[in-house]
N, C-alpha and C. Protein backbone atom coordinates (compact mmCIF):
# COMPACT_ATOMS: atom_id res chain seq x y z
N GLY A 1 109.12 1.82 92.21
CA GLY A 1 108.83 0.74 93.36
C GLY A 1 107.19 0.64 93.11
N ASN A 2 106.77 -0.03 94.22
CA ASN A 2 105.64 -0.23 94.56
C ASN A 2 104.75 0.99 95.64
N THR A 3 105.11 2.33 95.87
CA THR A 3 104.58 3.55 95.93
C THR A 3 103.99 4.63 95.65
N GLN A 4 103.23 5.44 95.83
CA GLN A 4 102.38 6.08 95.76
C GLN A 4 102.13 7.88 96.26
N SER A 5 102.76 8.62 96.20
CA SER A 5 102.17 9.24 96.75
C SER A 5 101.29 10.83 96.35
N VAL A 6 100.23 10.11 97.13
CA VAL A 6 98.76 10.98 96.85
C VAL A 6 98.86 11.93 97.66
N TYR A 7 97.96 12.59 97.78
CA TYR A 7 97.74 14.35 99.09
C TYR A 7 96.29 14.12 99.23
N LEU A 8 96.26 14.19 100.58
CA LEU A 8 94.41 13.52 101.17
C LEU A 8 94.15 15.07 101.82
N ILE A 9 93.31 15.33 101.92
CA ILE A 9 92.49 16.55 102.48
C ILE A 9 90.88 15.52 103.23
N LYS A 10 91.18 15.59 104.39
CA LYS A 10 89.55 15.23 104.96
C LYS A 10 88.52 16.39 105.45
N PRO A 11 87.07 15.75 105.21
CA PRO A 11 86.64 16.96 105.56
C PRO A 11 86.43 17.79 106.27
N LYS A 12 86.23 19.26 106.02
CA LYS A 12 86.14 19.93 107.33
C LYS A 12 85.73 19.57 108.94
N ASN A 13 84.75 19.30 108.77
CA ASN A 13 84.06 18.96 110.30
C ASN A 13 83.93 17.49 110.57
N TYR A 14 84.98 17.08 110.29
CA TYR A 14 85.18 15.33 110.27
C TYR A 14 84.69 14.49 110.94
N ASP A 15 83.92 13.60 110.67
CA ASP A 15 82.96 12.95 111.68
C ASP A 15 82.96 10.94 111.46
N LYS A 16 84.64 10.32 112.39
CA LYS A 16 85.11 8.86 112.10
C LYS A 16 83.46 7.90 111.63
N ASN A 17 82.52 8.64 112.32
CA ASN A 17 81.36 7.57 112.35
C ASN A 17 80.51 7.49 111.05
N LYS A 18 80.74 8.79 109.92
CA LYS A 18 80.65 8.64 108.87
C LYS A 18 80.28 8.62 107.68
N LYS A 19 79.96 8.27 107.04
CA LYS A 19 80.42 8.30 105.47
C LYS A 19 80.33 9.33 104.66
N TYR A 20 81.30 9.35 103.68
CA TYR A 20 81.77 10.60 102.76
C TYR A 20 82.47 9.78 101.85
N PRO A 21 81.20 11.10 100.51
CA PRO A 21 82.00 11.20 99.37
C PRO A 21 83.75 11.51 98.91
N VAL A 22 83.96 11.18 97.57
CA VAL A 22 85.62 11.19 97.76
C VAL A 22 85.07 11.92 96.68
N GLY A 23 86.45 13.16 96.85
CA GLY A 23 86.63 13.12 95.35
C GLY A 23 88.38 13.05 94.62
N PHE A 24 88.36 12.24 93.59
CA PHE A 24 89.95 12.15 93.07
C PHE A 24 89.95 13.01 91.64
N PHE A 25 91.45 14.21 92.72
CA PHE A 25 91.62 14.88 91.79
C PHE A 25 93.17 14.56 91.05
N MET A 26 92.80 15.12 89.65
CA MET A 26 94.00 14.24 88.63
C MET A 26 94.44 15.70 87.76
N HIS A 27 96.35 15.38 87.98
CA HIS A 27 96.07 17.05 88.05
C HIS A 27 97.72 16.32 86.75
N GLY A 28 97.55 15.14 86.40
CA GLY A 28 98.78 14.48 85.08
C GLY A 28 100.66 14.84 86.24
N TYR A 29 101.14 15.83 86.10
CA TYR A 29 102.43 16.27 86.78
C TYR A 29 101.91 16.94 87.87
N LEU A 30 100.80 16.55 88.77
CA LEU A 30 100.14 18.11 89.84
C LEU A 30 100.48 18.88 89.76
N GLY A 31 101.31 19.66 89.47
CA GLY A 31 100.86 20.99 89.12
C GLY A 31 101.82 21.34 91.04
N ASN A 32 101.91 22.33 91.12
CA ASN A 32 102.27 22.72 92.47
C ASN A 32 100.55 21.89 93.65
N TRP A 33 101.53 20.63 94.08
CA TRP A 33 100.41 20.06 95.41
C TRP A 33 100.52 21.14 96.58
N LYS A 34 100.73 22.08 96.70
CA LYS A 34 100.52 22.86 97.57
C LYS A 34 99.47 23.33 97.28
N LEU A 35 99.29 24.66 96.80
CA LEU A 35 98.55 25.33 96.00
C LEU A 35 97.12 24.63 95.51
N TYR A 36 97.26 23.30 94.85
CA TYR A 36 96.14 22.77 94.71
C TYR A 36 95.44 22.34 95.86
N GLN A 37 95.57 21.71 97.63
CA GLN A 37 95.58 20.95 98.18
C GLN A 37 94.37 22.29 98.96
N GLY A 38 95.34 23.83 99.14
CA GLY A 38 94.47 24.92 99.78
C GLY A 38 93.36 25.06 98.63
N VAL A 39 93.21 25.14 97.12
CA VAL A 39 92.16 25.20 96.69
C VAL A 39 91.15 24.17 96.30
N LEU A 40 91.75 22.77 96.89
CA LEU A 40 90.43 21.42 96.95
C LEU A 40 90.10 21.98 98.59
N LYS A 41 90.43 22.48 99.75
CA LYS A 41 89.95 22.27 100.71
C LYS A 41 88.62 22.76 101.19
N GLY A 42 88.49 23.70 100.01
CA GLY A 42 87.09 24.34 99.41
C GLY A 42 85.66 23.22 99.44
N LEU A 43 86.06 21.34 98.71
CA LEU A 43 85.34 21.06 99.01
C LEU A 43 85.29 20.20 100.26
N GLU A 44 84.39 20.84 101.26
CA GLU A 44 84.80 20.53 102.74
C GLU A 44 83.69 19.65 102.76
N ASP A 45 82.65 19.26 102.63
CA ASP A 45 82.13 17.43 102.71
C ASP A 45 82.43 16.93 102.05
N TYR A 46 83.67 16.14 101.40
CA TYR A 46 84.02 15.79 100.63
C TYR A 46 85.33 14.98 100.88
N ILE A 47 85.90 13.60 100.91
CA ILE A 47 87.43 13.28 100.91
C ILE A 47 87.69 13.64 100.07
N VAL A 48 89.00 14.21 100.06
CA VAL A 48 89.52 14.63 98.15
C VAL A 48 91.17 14.09 98.45
N LEU A 49 91.41 13.48 97.29
CA LEU A 49 92.54 12.45 97.30
C LEU A 49 92.89 12.64 95.98
N SER A 50 94.12 13.46 96.01
CA SER A 50 94.95 13.84 94.99
C SER A 50 95.72 12.86 94.75
N VAL A 51 95.99 12.31 93.34
CA VAL A 51 96.99 11.48 92.65
C VAL A 51 97.26 11.52 91.68
N GLY A 52 99.04 11.18 91.63
CA GLY A 52 99.50 11.52 90.41
C GLY A 52 99.69 10.61 90.36
N THR A 53 100.43 10.29 88.88
CA THR A 53 100.36 9.12 87.62
C THR A 53 101.91 8.77 88.75
N LYS A 54 101.88 6.91 88.56
CA LYS A 54 102.61 6.10 89.24
C LYS A 54 103.69 6.37 88.42
N THR A 55 104.08 7.11 87.20
CA THR A 55 104.79 6.92 86.50
C THR A 55 105.90 8.01 86.62
N TRP A 56 105.15 9.16 86.69
CA TRP A 56 104.90 10.80 86.32
C TRP A 56 105.62 11.48 85.44
N SER A 57 105.00 10.64 84.24
CA SER A 57 104.53 10.54 82.66
C SER A 57 103.38 11.68 82.61
N GLY A 58 102.72 11.98 83.44
CA GLY A 58 101.76 12.77 83.57
C GLY A 58 100.49 12.73 82.83
N ILE A 59 100.72 11.17 81.86
CA ILE A 59 99.69 11.09 80.85
C ILE A 59 99.01 9.80 81.82
N TYR A 60 97.31 9.44 81.97
CA TYR A 60 97.12 8.37 82.94
C TYR A 60 96.36 7.39 82.29
N THR A 61 96.74 6.06 82.38
CA THR A 61 95.77 4.85 81.76
C THR A 61 94.20 4.49 82.38
N LYS A 62 94.56 3.35 81.71
CA LYS A 62 93.43 2.70 82.79
C LYS A 62 94.00 2.18 83.65
N HIS A 63 95.15 1.80 83.70
CA HIS A 63 95.08 0.99 85.00
C HIS A 63 95.50 1.96 86.36
N ASP A 64 95.78 3.40 85.68
CA ASP A 64 95.92 4.68 86.91
C ASP A 64 94.17 4.42 87.11
N ILE A 65 93.30 4.22 86.73
CA ILE A 65 92.06 4.95 87.32
C ILE A 65 91.28 3.43 87.66
N ASN A 66 91.53 2.45 86.73
CA ASN A 66 91.49 1.20 87.71
C ASN A 66 92.28 1.22 89.28
N ALA A 67 93.11 1.64 89.19
CA ALA A 67 93.58 1.78 90.75
C ALA A 67 92.34 2.13 91.70
N LEU A 68 92.42 3.62 91.74
CA LEU A 68 91.47 4.33 92.57
C LEU A 68 90.76 3.20 92.92
N PHE A 69 89.82 2.50 92.18
CA PHE A 69 88.96 1.18 93.05
C PHE A 69 89.96 -0.02 94.06
N THR A 70 90.88 -0.39 93.29
CA THR A 70 91.77 -1.40 93.89
C THR A 70 92.87 -1.01 94.97
N LYS A 71 93.56 0.08 94.94
CA LYS A 71 94.35 0.39 95.51
C LYS A 71 93.88 1.84 96.39
N GLN A 72 93.32 2.87 96.00
CA GLN A 72 93.11 4.09 97.14
C GLN A 72 92.27 3.59 97.13
N ILE A 73 90.77 3.55 97.43
CA ILE A 73 89.95 3.31 98.42
C ILE A 73 89.98 1.98 99.87
N PRO A 74 90.80 0.57 99.57
CA PRO A 74 91.00 0.73 100.57
C PRO A 74 92.34 1.45 101.18
N PHE A 75 92.75 1.86 101.07
CA PHE A 75 93.91 2.60 101.46
C PHE A 75 93.36 3.55 102.26
N LEU A 76 92.20 4.03 101.64
CA LEU A 76 91.70 5.16 102.61
C LEU A 76 90.43 4.39 103.88
N GLU A 77 90.13 3.31 103.35
CA GLU A 77 89.12 2.52 104.96
C GLU A 77 90.44 2.42 105.55
N ASN A 78 91.38 1.65 105.09
CA ASN A 78 93.10 1.54 105.83
C ASN A 78 93.30 2.05 106.77
N LEU A 79 92.86 3.60 106.59
CA LEU A 79 93.26 4.85 107.40
C LEU A 79 92.19 4.61 108.35
N GLY A 80 91.30 4.23 108.29
CA GLY A 80 89.13 4.04 109.07
C GLY A 80 88.70 4.95 107.54
N TYR A 81 88.63 5.43 107.31
CA TYR A 81 87.74 6.12 106.53
C TYR A 81 86.97 5.48 105.71
N LYS A 82 85.51 5.75 105.64
CA LYS A 82 83.72 5.52 105.91
C LYS A 82 84.47 5.87 104.36
N VAL A 83 84.00 5.30 102.73
CA VAL A 83 83.87 5.83 101.71
C VAL A 83 82.86 5.60 101.18
N ASP A 84 81.82 6.59 100.65
CA ASP A 84 80.79 5.46 100.34
C ASP A 84 80.94 5.27 98.72
N LYS A 85 80.67 4.78 98.33
CA LYS A 85 81.08 3.55 96.69
C LYS A 85 80.04 4.14 95.81
N ASN A 86 78.40 4.79 96.71
CA ASN A 86 78.44 5.65 95.37
C ASN A 86 77.73 6.45 95.81
N ASN A 87 79.25 7.44 95.76
CA ASN A 87 79.71 9.20 95.06
C ASN A 87 80.36 9.58 95.61
N LEU A 88 81.45 8.59 94.65
CA LEU A 88 82.70 8.96 93.66
C LEU A 88 82.50 9.99 93.11
N HIS A 89 83.54 10.83 92.71
CA HIS A 89 83.68 12.14 91.80
C HIS A 89 85.83 12.19 91.14
N ILE A 90 85.11 12.73 89.73
CA ILE A 90 86.76 11.92 89.76
C ILE A 90 87.24 13.98 89.04
N ILE A 91 88.08 14.27 89.45
CA ILE A 91 88.17 16.00 88.39
C ILE A 91 89.46 15.99 88.40
N GLY A 92 89.73 16.45 86.80
CA GLY A 92 91.13 16.64 85.20
C GLY A 92 90.79 17.47 85.18
N LEU A 93 92.40 18.23 85.76
CA LEU A 93 93.09 19.63 85.55
C LEU A 93 93.50 19.09 84.64
N SER A 94 94.32 20.12 83.45
CA SER A 94 95.24 20.15 82.52
C SER A 94 95.28 18.37 82.12
N ASN A 95 96.44 18.17 82.74
CA ASN A 95 97.25 16.85 81.98
C ASN A 95 96.33 15.85 82.60
N GLY A 96 95.80 16.28 83.95
CA GLY A 96 94.61 15.43 84.49
C GLY A 96 93.67 14.72 83.27
N GLY A 97 93.05 15.84 82.64
CA GLY A 97 92.28 15.61 81.40
C GLY A 97 92.21 13.70 80.75
N SER A 98 93.32 13.39 80.41
CA SER A 98 93.84 12.28 80.63
C SER A 98 93.14 11.17 81.38
N ALA A 99 93.02 11.60 82.29
CA ALA A 99 92.76 10.69 83.36
C ALA A 99 90.91 10.75 83.44
N THR A 100 90.54 12.44 83.48
CA THR A 100 88.84 11.46 83.10
C THR A 100 88.61 11.39 81.76
N ASN A 101 89.06 12.08 81.04
CA ASN A 101 88.40 10.55 79.71
C ASN A 101 88.68 9.39 79.67
N VAL A 102 89.61 9.44 79.99
CA VAL A 102 89.40 7.66 80.28
C VAL A 102 88.51 6.90 81.48
N ALA A 103 88.30 7.82 82.20
CA ALA A 103 87.07 7.70 83.45
C ALA A 103 85.85 8.14 82.34
N TYR A 104 85.68 8.81 81.43
CA TYR A 104 84.77 8.90 81.18
C TYR A 104 84.49 7.23 79.90
N ASN A 105 85.90 7.12 79.73
CA ASN A 105 85.48 5.89 78.22
C ASN A 105 85.55 4.54 78.81
N GLY A 106 85.54 4.32 80.16
CA GLY A 106 85.65 3.35 80.37
C GLY A 106 85.27 3.05 82.21
N PHE A 107 84.81 4.17 82.82
CA PHE A 107 84.30 3.41 84.20
C PHE A 107 83.23 4.84 84.81
N SER A 108 82.73 5.17 83.86
CA SER A 108 81.19 6.28 83.33
C SER A 108 80.56 6.10 84.78
N ASN A 109 80.10 4.32 85.00
CA ASN A 109 79.00 3.85 85.29
C ASN A 109 79.97 3.81 87.26
N LYS A 110 81.02 4.56 87.23
CA LYS A 110 81.53 4.15 89.41
C LYS A 110 81.82 6.11 89.29
N PHE A 111 81.70 6.89 88.72
CA PHE A 111 81.68 8.14 88.94
C PHE A 111 79.99 8.68 88.69
N LYS A 112 80.00 9.75 90.29
CA LYS A 112 78.83 10.77 89.27
C LYS A 112 79.21 12.00 89.04
N THR A 113 80.13 12.35 89.15
CA THR A 113 80.23 13.23 88.25
C THR A 113 81.88 13.09 87.64
N ILE A 114 82.01 14.04 86.37
CA ILE A 114 84.01 14.11 85.53
C ILE A 114 83.30 15.29 85.12
N THR A 115 84.37 15.74 85.70
CA THR A 115 84.81 17.37 85.47
C THR A 115 86.55 17.15 84.99
N PHE A 116 86.17 18.03 83.81
CA PHE A 116 87.21 18.54 82.91
C PHE A 116 87.41 19.50 83.02
N ILE A 117 88.66 20.80 83.95
CA ILE A 117 89.06 21.68 83.92
C ILE A 117 90.50 22.18 82.75
N SER A 118 90.00 22.55 82.34
CA SER A 118 91.41 23.54 81.31
C SER A 118 92.23 22.20 80.94
N THR A 119 91.44 21.52 79.89
CA THR A 119 91.69 20.14 79.01
C THR A 119 90.38 19.93 78.49
N GLY A 120 91.30 19.15 77.77
CA GLY A 120 89.86 19.09 76.37
C GLY A 120 88.83 17.66 76.95
N ILE A 121 87.98 17.68 76.10
CA ILE A 121 87.36 16.09 75.89
C ILE A 121 87.56 15.82 74.87
N HIS A 122 87.40 14.18 74.73
CA HIS A 122 87.48 13.32 73.51
C HIS A 122 86.26 12.68 73.23
N GLN A 123 85.11 13.27 73.87
CA GLN A 123 84.04 12.26 73.00
C GLN A 123 82.69 13.27 73.91
N THR A 124 81.36 12.22 73.62
CA THR A 124 80.11 13.56 74.00
C THR A 124 78.98 12.34 73.79
N TYR A 125 79.05 11.87 73.62
CA TYR A 125 78.29 10.56 74.00
C TYR A 125 77.91 10.33 75.06
N PRO A 126 76.16 9.67 75.41
CA PRO A 126 76.00 10.11 76.70
C PRO A 126 76.06 8.93 77.47
N ILE A 127 76.70 9.59 78.66
CA ILE A 127 77.20 8.48 80.01
C ILE A 127 76.21 9.12 81.27
N ALA A 128 76.94 7.42 82.11
CA ALA A 128 75.10 8.10 83.13
C ALA A 128 75.98 9.05 84.25
N SER A 129 77.70 9.08 84.21
CA SER A 129 78.07 10.02 84.96
C SER A 129 77.24 11.22 84.69
N LYS A 130 77.22 12.73 85.25
CA LYS A 130 76.87 14.01 85.47
C LYS A 130 78.69 14.97 84.78
N VAL A 131 78.51 15.17 83.74
CA VAL A 131 79.77 15.64 83.10
C VAL A 131 79.75 16.48 82.89
N LEU A 132 80.97 17.84 84.33
CA LEU A 132 81.07 19.43 84.28
C LEU A 132 82.38 19.39 83.43
N LEU A 133 82.39 20.73 82.30
CA LEU A 133 83.72 21.57 82.04
C LEU A 133 83.97 22.89 82.16
N ILE A 134 84.68 23.16 82.89
CA ILE A 134 85.34 24.27 83.65
C ILE A 134 86.37 25.09 83.05
N GLY A 135 86.22 26.02 81.48
CA GLY A 135 87.44 26.62 80.75
C GLY A 135 87.37 27.89 80.89
N GLY A 136 88.29 28.87 79.98
CA GLY A 136 88.02 29.69 79.48
C GLY A 136 88.31 29.94 77.79
N GLY A 137 88.10 31.17 77.74
CA GLY A 137 87.97 31.23 76.81
C GLY A 137 90.27 32.02 75.68
N LYS A 138 90.80 32.56 76.82
CA LYS A 138 92.18 32.05 76.51
C LYS A 138 93.11 31.27 76.78
N ASP A 139 92.50 29.85 76.81
CA ASP A 139 93.20 28.74 76.76
C ASP A 139 93.26 27.41 75.77
N HIS A 140 94.57 27.18 75.32
CA HIS A 140 94.11 26.69 74.09
C HIS A 140 93.77 25.27 74.09
N SER A 141 94.02 25.30 75.51
CA SER A 141 93.44 23.66 76.19
C SER A 141 92.08 23.07 76.46
N SER A 142 90.99 24.63 76.53
CA SER A 142 89.92 24.66 76.68
C SER A 142 88.94 24.90 74.97
N GLY A 143 89.68 23.84 74.06
CA GLY A 143 89.17 24.90 73.28
C GLY A 143 87.85 23.71 72.91
N THR A 144 87.41 22.65 73.50
CA THR A 144 86.60 21.83 72.61
C THR A 144 85.80 22.00 73.86
N LEU A 145 85.53 22.67 74.98
CA LEU A 145 84.54 22.52 76.60
C LEU A 145 83.16 23.22 75.87
N GLN A 146 83.28 24.32 75.41
CA GLN A 146 82.10 25.28 74.12
C GLN A 146 80.73 23.66 73.70
N GLY A 147 82.06 24.03 73.13
CA GLY A 147 80.98 23.02 72.08
C GLY A 147 80.33 21.36 72.43
N ALA A 148 81.54 20.73 72.98
CA ALA A 148 81.27 19.82 73.86
C ALA A 148 79.70 19.67 74.44
N TYR A 149 80.01 20.37 75.61
CA TYR A 149 78.88 21.10 76.28
C TYR A 149 77.09 21.35 75.18
N ARG A 150 77.28 22.01 75.01
CA ARG A 150 76.48 21.82 73.50
C ARG A 150 75.79 20.19 73.00
N THR A 151 76.42 19.11 72.99
CA THR A 151 76.68 18.30 71.95
C THR A 151 76.65 17.39 73.57
N LEU A 152 76.64 17.49 74.04
CA LEU A 152 75.99 16.58 75.85
C LEU A 152 74.70 16.81 75.59
N LYS A 153 74.26 18.17 76.33
CA LYS A 153 72.68 19.26 76.28
C LYS A 153 72.02 18.39 74.87
N ASN A 154 72.39 18.57 74.03
CA ASN A 154 71.85 17.87 72.88
C ASN A 154 71.38 16.59 72.99
N ASN A 155 72.18 15.95 73.23
CA ASN A 155 71.92 14.23 73.90
C ASN A 155 71.98 13.95 75.21
N GLY A 156 71.13 15.33 75.48
CA GLY A 156 70.19 14.94 76.58
C GLY A 156 71.20 14.07 78.51
N SER A 157 72.81 14.37 77.64
CA SER A 157 73.56 14.33 79.34
C SER A 157 73.57 15.40 80.32
N LYS A 158 73.92 14.72 81.18
CA LYS A 158 73.47 15.59 82.24
C LYS A 158 75.02 16.41 82.62
N THR A 159 74.85 18.02 82.06
CA THR A 159 76.30 18.44 81.93
C THR A 159 76.04 19.40 82.81
N ASP A 160 76.57 20.36 82.27
CA ASP A 160 76.83 22.21 83.27
C ASP A 160 78.50 22.60 82.06
N LEU A 161 78.18 24.04 82.23
CA LEU A 161 79.71 24.59 82.31
C LEU A 161 79.85 26.22 82.71
N PHE A 162 80.96 25.91 83.00
CA PHE A 162 81.83 27.53 83.76
C PHE A 162 82.12 27.47 82.78
N TRP A 163 82.45 28.90 82.51
CA TRP A 163 82.37 29.67 81.01
C TRP A 163 83.40 30.62 81.32
N ASP A 164 84.51 31.11 80.79
CA ASP A 164 85.30 32.95 81.04
C ASP A 164 85.88 32.87 79.45
N ASP A 165 84.77 33.65 78.74
CA ASP A 165 85.52 34.36 77.45
C ASP A 165 87.21 34.83 78.12
N GLU A 166 87.66 35.02 78.84
CA GLU A 166 88.73 35.92 79.43
C GLU A 166 89.96 35.28 79.96
N GLU A 167 89.26 34.12 80.42
CA GLU A 167 90.15 33.02 81.59
C GLU A 167 91.09 32.46 80.98
N THR A 168 92.56 32.20 81.51
CA THR A 168 93.24 31.30 81.20
C THR A 168 93.10 29.88 81.18
N HIS A 169 94.25 28.86 80.95
CA HIS A 169 94.69 27.76 82.23
C HIS A 169 94.53 28.31 83.02
N PHE A 170 94.45 29.26 83.90
CA PHE A 170 94.50 29.08 85.45
C PHE A 170 93.53 29.74 86.17
N ILE A 171 92.59 29.57 85.65
CA ILE A 171 91.25 28.96 85.76
C ILE A 171 90.33 28.73 87.19
N LEU A 172 91.22 27.95 87.69
CA LEU A 172 90.96 26.84 88.84
C LEU A 172 91.77 28.13 89.81
N VAL A 173 92.29 29.01 89.58
CA VAL A 173 93.77 29.21 90.16
C VAL A 173 92.64 31.02 90.63
N ASN A 174 92.76 31.41 89.03
CA ASN A 174 92.17 32.74 89.17
C ASN A 174 90.87 32.84 89.68
N GLN A 175 90.13 31.83 89.61
CA GLN A 175 88.69 31.87 90.50
C GLN A 175 88.46 31.02 91.27
N THR A 176 88.93 30.64 92.04
CA THR A 176 88.36 29.56 92.41
C THR A 176 87.53 29.55 93.34
N ASP A 177 87.04 31.38 94.58
CA ASP A 177 85.74 30.66 95.46
C ASP A 177 84.70 30.43 94.33
N GLU A 178 84.73 30.93 92.84
CA GLU A 178 83.25 30.58 92.20
C GLU A 178 83.33 29.77 91.40
N ILE A 179 84.34 28.38 91.16
CA ILE A 179 84.98 27.41 90.87
C ILE A 179 84.39 26.62 92.13
N ILE A 180 84.64 26.56 92.76
CA ILE A 180 84.52 25.44 94.28
C ILE A 180 83.16 25.53 94.47
N ASP A 181 82.28 26.41 94.14
CA ASP A 181 81.08 27.00 94.44
C ASP A 181 79.82 25.92 93.32
N PHE A 182 80.69 26.19 92.06
CA PHE A 182 80.32 25.66 90.96
C PHE A 182 80.04 24.36 91.30
N ILE A 183 81.52 23.65 91.36
CA ILE A 183 81.76 22.30 91.15
C ILE A 183 81.09 21.23 93.06
N SER A 184 80.85 21.87 94.15
CA SER A 184 79.87 21.61 95.46
C SER A 184 78.70 21.34 95.25
N LYS A 185 78.05 22.92 94.07
CA LYS A 185 76.60 22.64 93.58
C LYS A 185 75.90 21.50 93.02
N ASN A 186 77.41 21.05 91.82
CA ASN A 186 77.01 19.85 90.86
C ASN A 186 77.43 18.41 91.70
N LEU A 187 77.87 18.36 92.78
CA LEU A 187 78.43 17.46 93.25
C LEU A 187 77.26 16.48 94.42
N LYS A 188 76.32 17.66 94.62
CA LYS A 188 75.16 17.01 94.97
C LYS A 188 74.15 16.46 94.68
């Protein structure tokens, strides 16, 4: 149909008169929505909007990323939120890496940061966005992240890496506080 489910986390000390940055959290199938909403509450000064794929395929397309600007931001504004459109961020976890790869390839001028968590990055050419890479050595999905980080650094890209050789695909759950601190520091 024409509806889509999203989860919205408003900033901790929300002020209706203040403009807020937005972090779009993408997880393909969205995993456990309640779990990730609890984790993402740690991004205290941001509106966080978790958006699934419209078809529940788990794979994001250019159309899905474009809809963040044509549907999701207007949705937030219709709810009364003031969105800082110059301070947008996208976070892709697992299958949500399809979203961050699409954002990297076609929308990097619209996001201040593009964050890859427990997923692969498919390109390393320089872009305007800062690229954040988060993964673990025991996660097959994160296999490209360390090499991509070195390549991005070498080509002058803005990038940062959170890596743990002993960590699995569940690094965000296992090291929530450390990763939220890492992301928060890099979103500024």
